[in-house]
Amino acid sequence: YSIFSHIPGLKGVCPSDAYTAKGLLAACIRDDDPIVFFEHKGLYGISGPVPEEPYVLPLGKARTVREGSDVTLVGISKMTWVADAAAEELAKEGISCEVIDLLSVSPIDYDHINESVQKTHRAVVVEEASGLGGFGGEIASQLQERAFDYLDAPVRRGSGEEVPMPYSRPLELLAIPNAQTVAQAVREAMAR
């Protein structure tokens, strides 16, 4: 999605579950602009409630999937689930994480993210891609510019390892972020 988000006038959405997939797809069909609908293959096996009646989720709007007060975790697509799992683990340590599901990579709902960061004063961006040149770096950069006065620590990133994606499933799981690696990034942000 980082490649397509560089194209002016092209929108991009990243659903994180069946509910957001249906609502975003309906919004994409109704929109006159060209839109890329990014599906994460790791979400195909996850089921959840989806209303039978038609509904539309607004394009370019993020959602908060977990309220918190200590740190904001920004997830993209399946990484929202990883961020939520890390938040669950960190709750046992007394760290309250607010988890934001980005839903749209072009445009990005920076207002929603900024409101959360103004409350928590820390942020960790979670993305599956490698950190070098990754999309999360753009979000971190924008947060540094837009919410600098509210940040008590630098924006951290929970991104994939800087290696070619392995074919082997066990090695692939080591290359992408998981709840433990994201939790460690949060602990580092909290230590500042």
Protein backbone atom coordinates (compact mmCIF):
# COMPACT_ATOMS: atom_id res chain seq x y z
CA TYR A 1 0.00 0.00 0.00
CA SER A 2 2.91 2.37 0.46
CA ILE A 3 3.58 2.33 -3.30
CA PHE A 4 0.00 3.21 -4.22
CA SER A 5 -0.35 5.89 -1.54
CA HIS A 6 2.29 7.92 -3.38
CA ILE A 7 -0.03 8.42 -6.36
CA PRO A 8 -1.97 11.71 -6.08
CA GLY A 9 -5.72 11.25 -6.48
CA LEU A 10 -5.65 7.52 -5.78
CA LYS A 11 -7.34 6.39 -2.57
CA GLY A 12 -6.46 3.24 -0.66
CA VAL A 13 -8.29 1.31 2.05
CA CYS A 14 -7.07 -1.51 4.32
CA PRO A 15 -9.88 -3.37 6.10
CA SER A 16 -8.99 -5.25 9.26
CA ASP A 17 -11.93 -7.64 9.53
CA ALA A 18 -15.08 -8.79 7.73
CA TYR A 19 -17.17 -5.92 9.11
CA THR A 20 -14.81 -3.21 7.85
CA ALA A 21 -14.27 -5.08 4.57
CA LYS A 22 -17.97 -4.98 3.73
CA GLY A 23 -18.45 -1.36 4.81
CA LEU A 24 -15.36 -0.12 3.00
CA LEU A 25 -16.13 -2.08 -0.15
CA ALA A 26 -19.60 -0.52 -0.29
CA ALA A 27 -18.03 2.93 0.14
CA CYS A 28 -15.48 2.22 -2.61
CA ILE A 29 -18.21 1.17 -5.05
CA ARG A 30 -20.16 4.38 -4.37
CA ASP A 31 -17.13 6.68 -4.67
CA ASP A 32 -16.30 8.27 -8.02
CA ASP A 33 -12.54 8.31 -7.40
CA PRO A 34 -10.21 5.40 -8.16
CA ILE A 35 -9.59 3.32 -5.02
CA VAL A 36 -7.29 0.40 -4.29
CA PHE A 37 -8.84 -2.12 -1.88
CA PHE A 38 -6.02 -3.90 -0.03
CA GLU A 39 -6.91 -7.33 1.34
CA HIS A 40 -4.55 -9.05 3.77
CA LYS A 41 -4.46 -12.80 3.14
CA GLY A 42 -3.91 -13.38 6.84
CA LEU A 43 -7.42 -12.10 7.54
CA TYR A 44 -9.24 -14.60 5.33
CA GLY A 45 -9.55 -17.16 8.12
CA ILE A 46 -10.90 -14.68 10.67
CA SER A 47 -14.67 -14.53 11.01
CA GLY A 48 -16.86 -12.05 12.81
CA PRO A 49 -20.30 -10.50 12.84
CA VAL A 50 -21.37 -8.69 9.67
CA PRO A 51 -24.84 -7.14 9.40
CA GLU A 52 -26.90 -8.42 6.47
CA GLU A 53 -28.37 -4.99 5.80
CA PRO A 54 -26.29 -2.58 3.70
CA TYR A 55 -23.97 -0.13 5.47
CA VAL A 56 -21.10 2.11 4.44
CA LEU A 57 -17.99 3.07 6.39
CA PRO A 58 -16.66 6.54 5.57
CA LEU A 59 -13.48 6.59 3.50
CA GLY A 60 -10.47 8.26 5.09
CA LYS A 61 -11.70 7.76 8.66
CA ALA A 62 -9.88 5.69 11.28
CA ARG A 63 -11.59 4.02 14.23
CA THR A 64 -10.59 3.35 17.80
CA VAL A 65 -10.90 -0.35 18.64
CA ARG A 66 -9.60 -0.10 22.22
CA GLU A 67 -9.61 2.89 24.56
CA GLY A 68 -6.46 3.57 26.54
CA SER A 69 -4.54 6.29 28.35
CA ASP A 70 -0.79 5.51 28.26
CA VAL A 71 0.16 4.95 24.61
CA THR A 72 -1.47 5.00 21.17
CA LEU A 73 -0.94 1.99 18.91
CA VAL A 74 -1.71 2.66 15.23
CA GLY A 75 -2.45 -0.54 13.31
CA ILE A 76 -2.83 -1.11 9.60
CA SER A 77 -4.99 -4.02 8.40
CA LYS A 78 -3.96 -7.26 10.18
CA MET A 79 -1.49 -5.34 12.33
CA THR A 80 -4.49 -3.88 14.16
CA TRP A 81 -5.04 -7.39 15.55
CA VAL A 82 -1.37 -7.61 16.50
CA ALA A 83 -1.55 -4.21 18.20
CA ASP A 84 -4.66 -5.29 20.10
CA ALA A 85 -2.95 -8.51 21.23
CA ALA A 86 0.03 -6.46 22.44
CA ALA A 87 -2.37 -4.13 24.29
CA GLU A 88 -3.93 -7.16 25.98
CA GLU A 89 -0.49 -8.37 27.08
CA LEU A 90 0.55 -4.90 28.29
CA ALA A 91 -2.69 -4.47 30.27
CA LYS A 92 -1.41 -7.21 32.58
CA GLU A 93 1.58 -4.95 33.32
CA GLY A 94 -0.63 -1.94 34.01
CA ILE A 95 0.02 -0.20 30.66
CA SER A 96 -3.17 1.10 29.06
CA CYS A 97 -2.99 1.13 25.25
CA GLU A 98 -5.36 2.87 22.87
CA VAL A 99 -5.54 0.94 19.60
CA ILE A 100 -6.43 2.75 16.38
CA ASP A 101 -7.39 0.90 13.21
CA LEU A 102 -6.24 3.13 10.35
CA LEU A 103 -8.63 1.64 7.72
CA SER A 104 -7.42 4.07 5.04
CA VAL A 105 -3.86 4.66 3.85
CA SER A 106 -4.86 7.41 1.43
CA PRO A 107 -6.12 9.67 2.82
CA ILE A 108 -4.90 9.10 6.38
CA ASP A 109 -7.04 10.27 9.28
CA TYR A 110 -4.33 12.22 11.12
CA ASP A 111 -6.94 14.14 13.12
CA HIS A 112 -8.08 10.90 14.77
CA ILE A 113 -4.52 9.80 15.50
CA ASN A 114 -3.56 13.25 16.83
CA GLU A 115 -6.55 13.32 19.21
CA SER A 116 -5.43 10.00 20.65
CA VAL A 117 -1.80 11.09 20.98
CA GLN A 118 -2.89 14.28 22.76
CA LYS A 119 -4.51 12.00 25.34
CA THR A 120 -1.79 9.32 25.65
CA HIS A 121 1.37 11.36 24.88
CA ARG A 122 3.09 8.36 23.25
CA ALA A 123 2.67 6.47 19.99
CA VAL A 124 3.79 3.24 18.34
CA VAL A 125 3.02 2.61 14.66
CA VAL A 126 2.58 -1.08 13.83
CA GLU A 127 3.11 -2.24 10.27
CA GLU A 128 4.08 -5.51 8.68
CA ALA A 129 6.50 -4.04 6.15
CA SER A 130 10.17 -3.54 6.81
CA GLY A 131 10.98 -0.40 8.75
CA LEU A 132 13.38 0.92 6.11
CA GLY A 133 11.29 3.11 3.82
CA GLY A 134 8.11 1.74 5.35
CA PHE A 135 4.72 3.42 5.43
CA GLY A 136 4.86 3.59 9.22
CA GLY A 137 7.80 5.97 8.93
CA GLU A 138 5.55 8.48 7.17
CA ILE A 139 2.94 8.24 9.91
CA ALA A 140 5.65 8.64 12.57
CA SER A 141 7.06 11.66 10.74
CA GLN A 142 3.64 13.29 10.47
CA LEU A 143 2.99 12.68 14.17
CA GLN A 144 6.32 14.32 15.04
CA GLU A 145 5.24 17.36 12.99
CA ARG A 146 1.57 17.54 14.00
CA ALA A 147 1.64 16.41 17.64
CA PHE A 148 5.20 17.19 18.76
CA ASP A 149 4.12 19.36 21.70
CA TYR A 150 2.03 16.50 23.10
CA LEU A 151 4.63 13.74 22.78
CA ASP A 152 6.55 12.66 25.90
CA ALA A 153 8.70 10.24 23.88
CA PRO A 154 9.72 9.75 20.25
CA VAL A 155 7.23 7.87 18.10
CA ARG A 156 8.28 4.21 18.02
CA ARG A 157 7.69 1.70 15.25
CA GLY A 158 6.76 -1.94 15.46
CA SER A 159 7.68 -3.02 11.94
CA GLY A 160 8.86 -6.13 10.15
CA GLU A 161 12.45 -7.25 10.03
CA GLU A 162 14.65 -5.84 7.28
CA VAL A 163 14.94 -9.14 5.41
CA PRO A 164 13.35 -10.53 2.24
CA MET A 165 10.09 -12.21 3.22
CA PRO A 166 10.94 -15.89 3.80
CA TYR A 167 9.02 -18.65 2.05
CA SER A 168 9.10 -20.86 5.13
CA ARG A 169 6.11 -20.16 7.40
CA PRO A 170 8.10 -20.41 10.67
CA LEU A 171 10.67 -17.95 9.31
CA GLU A 172 7.92 -15.68 7.96
CA LEU A 173 6.43 -15.50 11.46
CA LEU A 174 9.83 -14.37 12.77
CA ALA A 175 10.05 -11.64 10.13
CA ILE A 176 6.70 -9.94 10.82
CA PRO A 177 5.75 -8.09 14.00
CA ASN A 178 3.94 -10.00 16.72
CA ALA A 179 2.41 -9.06 20.06
CA GLN A 180 5.72 -9.52 21.87
CA THR A 181 7.76 -7.28 19.52
CA VAL A 182 5.09 -4.58 19.61
CA ALA A 183 4.86 -4.83 23.40
CA GLN A 184 8.63 -4.34 23.58
CA ALA A 185 8.40 -1.18 21.44
CA VAL A 186 5.71 0.10 23.82
CA ARG A 187 7.89 -0.66 26.87
CA GLU A 188 10.72 1.30 25.26
CA ALA A 189 8.39 4.24 24.64
CA MET A 190 7.15 4.09 28.24
CA ALA A 191 10.71 4.02 29.59
CA ARG A 192 11.41 7.49 28.14
